[in-house]
C-alpha atoms as a PDB file:
ATOM      1  CA  MET A   1      31.006 -40.345 -12.544  1.00  0.00           C
ATOM      2  CA  ILE A   2      27.466 -41.551 -13.285  1.00  0.00           C
ATOM      3  CA  ARG A   3      25.843 -39.194 -15.782  1.00  0.00           C
ATOM      4  CA  PHE A   4      22.279 -40.489 -15.687  1.00  0.00           C
ATOM      5  CA  LYS A   5      19.381 -38.666 -14.005  1.00  0.00           C
ATOM      6  CA  GLU A   6      17.597 -41.834 -12.896  1.00  0.00           C
ATOM      7  CA  VAL A   7      19.000 -45.294 -12.306  1.00  0.00           C
ATOM      8  CA  ARG A   8      17.649 -48.676 -11.265  1.00  0.00           C
ATOM      9  CA  VAL A   9      19.587 -49.639  -8.129  1.00  0.00           C
ATOM     10  CA  VAL A  10      20.419 -53.160  -6.993  1.00  0.00           C
ATOM     11  CA  GLY A  11      21.695 -53.681  -3.457  1.00  0.00           C
ATOM     12  CA  GLN A  12      24.903 -55.396  -2.382  1.00  0.00           C
ATOM     13  CA  ASP A  13      23.263 -58.796  -1.876  1.00  0.00           C
ATOM     14  CA  GLY A  14      21.261 -58.613  -5.138  1.00  0.00           C
ATOM     15  CA  GLU A  15      17.905 -57.286  -3.901  1.00  0.00           C
ATOM     16  CA  PRO A  16      16.389 -54.504  -6.048  1.00  0.00           C
ATOM     17  CA  LEU A  17      16.129 -51.127  -4.294  1.00  0.00           C
ATOM     18  CA  GLY A  18      14.061 -49.523  -7.070  1.00  0.00           C
ATOM     19  CA  ILE A  19      14.383 -46.576  -9.416  1.00  0.00           C
ATOM     20  CA  MET A  20      15.846 -43.383  -7.943  1.00  0.00           C
ATOM     21  CA  SER A  21      17.976 -40.418  -8.878  1.00  0.00           C
ATOM     22  CA  SER A  22      21.705 -41.078  -9.242  1.00  0.00           C
ATOM     23  CA  LYS A  23      22.419 -38.643  -6.385  1.00  0.00           C
ATOM     24  CA  GLU A  24      20.201 -40.637  -3.989  1.00  0.00           C
ATOM     25  CA  ALA A  25      21.812 -43.907  -5.093  1.00  0.00           C
ATOM     26  CA  LEU A  26      25.292 -42.457  -4.601  1.00  0.00           C
ATOM     27  CA  GLN A  27      24.298 -41.224  -1.139  1.00  0.00           C
ATOM     28  CA  ILE A  28      23.038 -44.707  -0.150  1.00  0.00           C
ATOM     29  CA  ALA A  29      26.299 -46.252  -1.408  1.00  0.00           C
ATOM     30  CA  GLU A  30      28.384 -43.745   0.572  1.00  0.00           C
ATOM     31  CA  GLU A  31      26.386 -44.465   3.737  1.00  0.00           C
ATOM     32  CA  GLN A  32      27.293 -48.144   3.369  1.00  0.00           C
ATOM     33  CA  GLU A  33      30.921 -47.170   2.516  1.00  0.00           C
ATOM     34  CA  LEU A  34      30.630 -48.911  -0.859  1.00  0.00           C
ATOM     35  CA  ASP A  35      30.742 -47.884  -4.531  1.00  0.00           C
ATOM     36  CA  LEU A  36      27.934 -47.347  -7.036  1.00  0.00           C
ATOM     37  CA  VAL A  37      28.845 -49.198 -10.234  1.00  0.00           C
ATOM     38  CA  VAL A  38      26.979 -49.087 -13.563  1.00  0.00           C
ATOM     39  CA  ILE A  39      26.185 -52.670 -14.604  1.00  0.00           C
ATOM     40  CA  ALA A  40      23.992 -52.149 -17.698  1.00  0.00           C
ATOM     41  CA  GLU A  41      24.119 -48.775 -19.440  1.00  0.00           C
ATOM     42  CA  THR A  42      21.681 -49.823 -22.145  1.00  0.00           C
ATOM     43  CA  GLY A  43      18.843 -50.532 -19.731  1.00  0.00           C
ATOM     44  CA  ASN A  44      15.954 -48.118 -19.418  1.00  0.00           C
ATOM     45  CA  PRO A  45      16.761 -46.723 -16.851  1.00  0.00           C
ATOM     46  CA  PRO A  46      20.416 -47.874 -16.574  1.00  0.00           C
ATOM     47  CA  VAL A  47      21.127 -50.478 -13.891  1.00  0.00           C
ATOM     48  CA  CYS A  48      23.599 -49.687 -11.093  1.00  0.00           C
ATOM     49  CA  ARG A  49      24.769 -51.887  -8.262  1.00  0.00           C
ATOM     50  CA  ILE A  50      26.063 -51.026  -4.820  1.00  0.00           C
ATOM     51  CA  MET A  51      29.269 -53.013  -4.258  1.00  0.00           C
ATOM     52  CA  ASP A  52      32.923 -52.844  -3.265  1.00  0.00           C
ATOM     53  CA  HIS A  53      34.469 -52.141  -6.672  1.00  0.00           C
ATOM     54  CA  GLY A  54      38.033 -53.001  -5.584  1.00  0.00           C
ATOM     55  CA  LYS A  55      36.934 -56.417  -4.326  1.00  0.00           C
ATOM     56  CA  PHE A  56      34.945 -56.962  -7.539  1.00  0.00           C
ATOM     57  CA  LEU A  57      38.032 -56.271  -9.696  1.00  0.00           C
ATOM     58  CA  TYR A  58      40.159 -58.549  -7.490  1.00  0.00           C
ATOM     59  CA  ASP A  59      37.653 -61.396  -7.875  1.00  0.00           C
ATOM     60  CA  GLN A  60      37.560 -60.900 -11.660  1.00  0.00           C
ATOM     61  CA  THR A  61      41.350 -61.136 -11.989  1.00  0.00           C
ATOM     62  CA  LYS A  62      41.328 -64.215  -9.766  1.00  0.00           C
ATOM     63  CA  LYS A  63      38.757 -65.894 -12.060  1.00  0.00           C
ATOM     64  CA  VAL A  64      40.861 -65.082 -15.134  1.00  0.00           C
ATOM     65  CA  LYS A  65      43.961 -66.612 -13.513  1.00  0.00           C
ATOM     66  CA  GLU A  66      42.029 -69.772 -12.616  1.00  0.00           C
ATOM     67  CA  ALA A  67      40.778 -70.073 -16.195  1.00  0.00           C
ATOM     68  CA  LYS A  68      44.351 -69.751 -17.496  1.00  0.00           C
ATOM     69  CA  LYS A  69      45.529 -72.503 -15.149  1.00  0.00           C
ATOM     70  CA  LYS A  70      42.905 -74.876 -16.509  1.00  0.00           C
ATOM     71  CA  GLN A  71      43.808 -74.160 -20.144  1.00  0.00           C
ATOM     72  CA  LYS A  72      45.944 -76.733 -21.907  1.00  0.00           C
ATOM     73  CA  VAL A  73      48.618 -75.219 -24.115  1.00  0.00           C
ATOM     74  CA  VAL A  74      49.211 -77.353 -27.196  1.00  0.00           C
ATOM     75  CA  ASN A  75      52.792 -77.282 -28.393  1.00  0.00           C
ATOM     76  CA  LEU A  76      53.886 -78.090 -31.930  1.00  0.00           C
ATOM     77  CA  LYS A  77      56.998 -80.269 -31.977  1.00  0.00           C
ATOM     78  CA  GLU A  78      58.914 -80.816 -35.211  1.00  0.00           C
ATOM     79  CA  ILE A  79      60.671 -83.940 -36.405  1.00  0.00           C
ATOM     80  CA  ARG A  80      62.893 -83.608 -39.469  1.00  0.00           C
ATOM     81  CA  LEU A  81      63.636 -86.450 -41.829  1.00  0.00           C
ATOM     82  CA  SER A  82      65.664 -86.659 -45.022  1.00  0.00           C
ATOM     83  CA  PRO A  83      64.846 -88.578 -48.231  1.00  0.00           C
ATOM     84  CA  ALA A  84      67.873 -90.840 -47.632  1.00  0.00           C
ATOM     85  CA  ILE A  85      66.844 -91.930 -44.106  1.00  0.00           C
ATOM     86  CA  GLU A  86      67.244 -95.580 -43.092  1.00  0.00           C
ATOM     87  CA  GLU A  87      64.514 -97.732 -41.524  1.00  0.00           C
ATOM     88  CA  HIS A  88      66.142 -97.849 -38.073  1.00  0.00           C
ATOM     89  CA  ASP A  89      66.382 -94.055 -37.989  1.00  0.00           C
ATOM     90  CA  ILE A  90      62.679 -93.788 -38.839  1.00  0.00           C
ATOM     91  CA  VAL A  91      61.911 -96.107 -35.888  1.00  0.00           C
ATOM     92  CA  ILE A  92      63.948 -93.902 -33.534  1.00  0.00           C
ATOM     93  CA  LYS A  93      62.254 -90.713 -34.775  1.00  0.00           C
ATOM     94  CA  ALA A  94      58.835 -92.427 -34.516  1.00  0.00           C
ATOM     95  CA  ASN A  95      59.540 -93.320 -30.876  1.00  0.00           C
ATOM     96  CA  ARG A  96      60.378 -89.663 -30.225  1.00  0.00           C
ATOM     97  CA  ALA A  97      57.092 -88.660 -31.873  1.00  0.00           C
ATOM     98  CA  ARG A  98      55.239 -91.194 -29.681  1.00  0.00           C
ATOM     99  CA  LYS A  99      56.606 -89.423 -26.592  1.00  0.00           C
ATOM    100  CA  PHE A 100      55.468 -86.035 -27.921  1.00  0.00           C
ATOM    101  CA  LEU A 101      51.995 -87.392 -28.766  1.00  0.00           C
ATOM    102  CA  SER A 102      51.617 -89.032 -25.346  1.00  0.00           C
ATOM    103  CA  ASP A 103      52.431 -85.618 -23.803  1.00  0.00           C
ATOM    104  CA  GLU A 104      49.442 -84.200 -25.781  1.00  0.00           C
ATOM    105  CA  ASP A 105      51.656 -82.227 -28.190  1.00  0.00           C
ATOM    106  CA  LYS A 106      51.134 -81.975 -31.941  1.00  0.00           C
ATOM    107  CA  VAL A 107      53.930 -83.246 -34.178  1.00  0.00           C
ATOM    108  CA  LYS A 108      55.019 -81.686 -37.462  1.00  0.00           C
ATOM    109  CA  VAL A 109      56.941 -84.239 -39.538  1.00  0.00           C
ATOM    110  CA  THR A 110      59.119 -82.649 -42.231  1.00  0.00           C
ATOM    111  CA  VAL A 111      61.085 -84.254 -45.055  1.00  0.00           C
ATOM    112  CA  ARG A 112      63.573 -81.739 -46.401  1.00  0.00           C
ATOM    113  CA  PHE A 113      64.717 -82.026 -50.026  1.00  0.00           C
ATOM    114  CA  ARG A 114      68.069 -80.562 -51.061  1.00  0.00           C
ATOM    115  CA  GLY A 115      69.481 -80.103 -54.545  1.00  0.00           C
ATOM    116  CA  ARG A 116      68.622 -83.014 -56.852  1.00  0.00           C
ATOM    117  CA  GLU A 117      66.541 -84.694 -54.142  1.00  0.00           C
ATOM    118  CA  ASN A 118      63.718 -82.377 -55.298  1.00  0.00           C
ATOM    119  CA  ASN A 119      63.172 -84.740 -58.258  1.00  0.00           C
ATOM    120  CA  PHE A 120      62.299 -87.618 -55.903  1.00  0.00           C
ATOM    121  CA  THR A 121      59.369 -86.199 -53.954  1.00  0.00           C
ATOM    122  CA  TYR A 122      57.589 -89.564 -54.223  1.00  0.00           C
ATOM    123  CA  LYS A 123      60.183 -90.875 -51.718  1.00  0.00           C
ATOM    124  CA  GLY A 124      58.990 -88.238 -49.253  1.00  0.00           C
ATOM    125  CA  VAL A 125      55.445 -89.590 -49.433  1.00  0.00           C
ATOM    126  CA  GLU A 126      56.740 -93.150 -48.870  1.00  0.00           C
ATOM    127  CA  ILE A 127      58.822 -92.064 -45.871  1.00  0.00           C
ATOM    128  CA  LEU A 128      55.922 -90.138 -44.281  1.00  0.00           C
ATOM    129  CA  ASP A 129      53.545 -93.085 -44.836  1.00  0.00           C
ATOM    130  CA  ASN A 130      56.099 -95.421 -43.228  1.00  0.00           C
ATOM    131  CA  PHE A 131      56.480 -92.994 -40.311  1.00  0.00           C
ATOM    132  CA  LEU A 132      52.711 -92.731 -39.908  1.00  0.00           C
ATOM    133  CA  SER A 133      52.326 -96.525 -39.808  1.00  0.00           C
ATOM    134  CA  LYS A 134      54.608 -96.585 -36.747  1.00  0.00           C
ATOM    135  CA  VAL A 135      52.637 -93.984 -34.740  1.00  0.00           C
ATOM    136  CA  GLU A 136      49.078 -94.217 -36.089  1.00  0.00           C
ATOM    137  CA  ASP A 137      47.742 -95.895 -32.921  1.00  0.00           C
ATOM    138  CA  LEU A 138      48.446 -92.677 -30.957  1.00  0.00           C
ATOM    139  CA  CYS A 139      47.523 -89.979 -33.454  1.00  0.00           C
ATOM    140  CA  ILE A 140      45.257 -88.667 -36.156  1.00  0.00           C
ATOM    141  CA  VAL A 141      46.474 -86.915 -39.289  1.00  0.00           C
ATOM    142  CA  GLU A 142      45.584 -83.244 -38.986  1.00  0.00           C
ATOM    143  CA  LYS A 143      47.236 -82.285 -42.286  1.00  0.00           C
ATOM    144  CA  LYS A 144      48.147 -84.847 -44.924  1.00  0.00           C
ATOM    145  CA  ALA A 145      51.583 -84.958 -46.515  1.00  0.00           C
ATOM    146  CA  ALA A 146      51.994 -82.002 -48.881  1.00  0.00           C
ATOM    147  CA  LEU A 147      54.940 -80.366 -50.587  1.00  0.00           C
ATOM    148  CA  GLU A 148      55.578 -76.807 -49.443  1.00  0.00           C
ATOM    149  CA  GLY A 149      58.601 -75.364 -51.201  1.00  0.00           C
ATOM    150  CA  LYS A 150      61.532 -77.698 -50.571  1.00  0.00           C
ATOM    151  CA  ASN A 151      59.831 -79.448 -47.649  1.00  0.00           C
ATOM    152  CA  MET A 152      57.136 -82.102 -47.474  1.00  0.00           C
ATOM    153  CA  ILE A 153      55.093 -81.581 -44.319  1.00  0.00           C
ATOM    154  CA  MET A 154      52.597 -83.700 -42.394  1.00  0.00           C
ATOM    155  CA  ILE A 155      50.989 -82.649 -39.079  1.00  0.00           C
ATOM    156  CA  LEU A 156      49.863 -85.225 -36.516  1.00  0.00           C
ATOM    157  CA  ALA A 157      47.621 -84.541 -33.541  1.00  0.00           C
ATOM    158  CA  PRO A 158      47.172 -86.768 -30.470  1.00  0.00           C
ATOM    159  CA  LYS A 159      44.027 -88.889 -30.299  1.00  0.00           C
ATOM    160  CA  ARG A 160      41.539 -87.666 -27.697  1.00  0.00           C
ATOM    161  CA  ALA A 161      40.535 -90.309 -25.165  1.00  0.00           C
END
C-alpha cells in the first residue's frame, strides 16, 4: 500500500538501511516476515520502518490503557442547603463535604430559594460563608458564591498536598 517510488528504510532494531525503492524495501520486509510501515510521510524521501505491525498496535493499546489507569477522575459531588437551615444541619453537611474533599472530589454547595425566599438572597451568602468556615482547612474556593437562577452556587476543590 506504499505509493512512494523511493523511501528511507529503518530496520527493526532502529538502524538505518538507507534510501531504496519501495519494492526493494517491501521485499526485505517480506524476507524477514515483517511489515513495512510508513512512519513519516512528510519526509523527503518518506521514512518507512520494518516491524511487526500487529505487535506495534498491541503495544500502543497497552500504553493507552496504562495511561488511563494512572488518570485520576475528579467527581463533582453536590450538597444542597436551604435558606432556613439550622446550625447543626450545616455541621452535618460540612462533615459530609469533608469526606468528599478528602476523597479528592470537588464539592458543589447549592442553596435553593423557593417562592418568597428569593427576596432573602443575602441569607444564602451567610449560609455559604458559614459552611466554608467549617471546611476551609481542606479546600480552596474554585467558584465563589453566585446566584444562578433560583440557586446560589459555590464550588470547592480539594487542596493539593
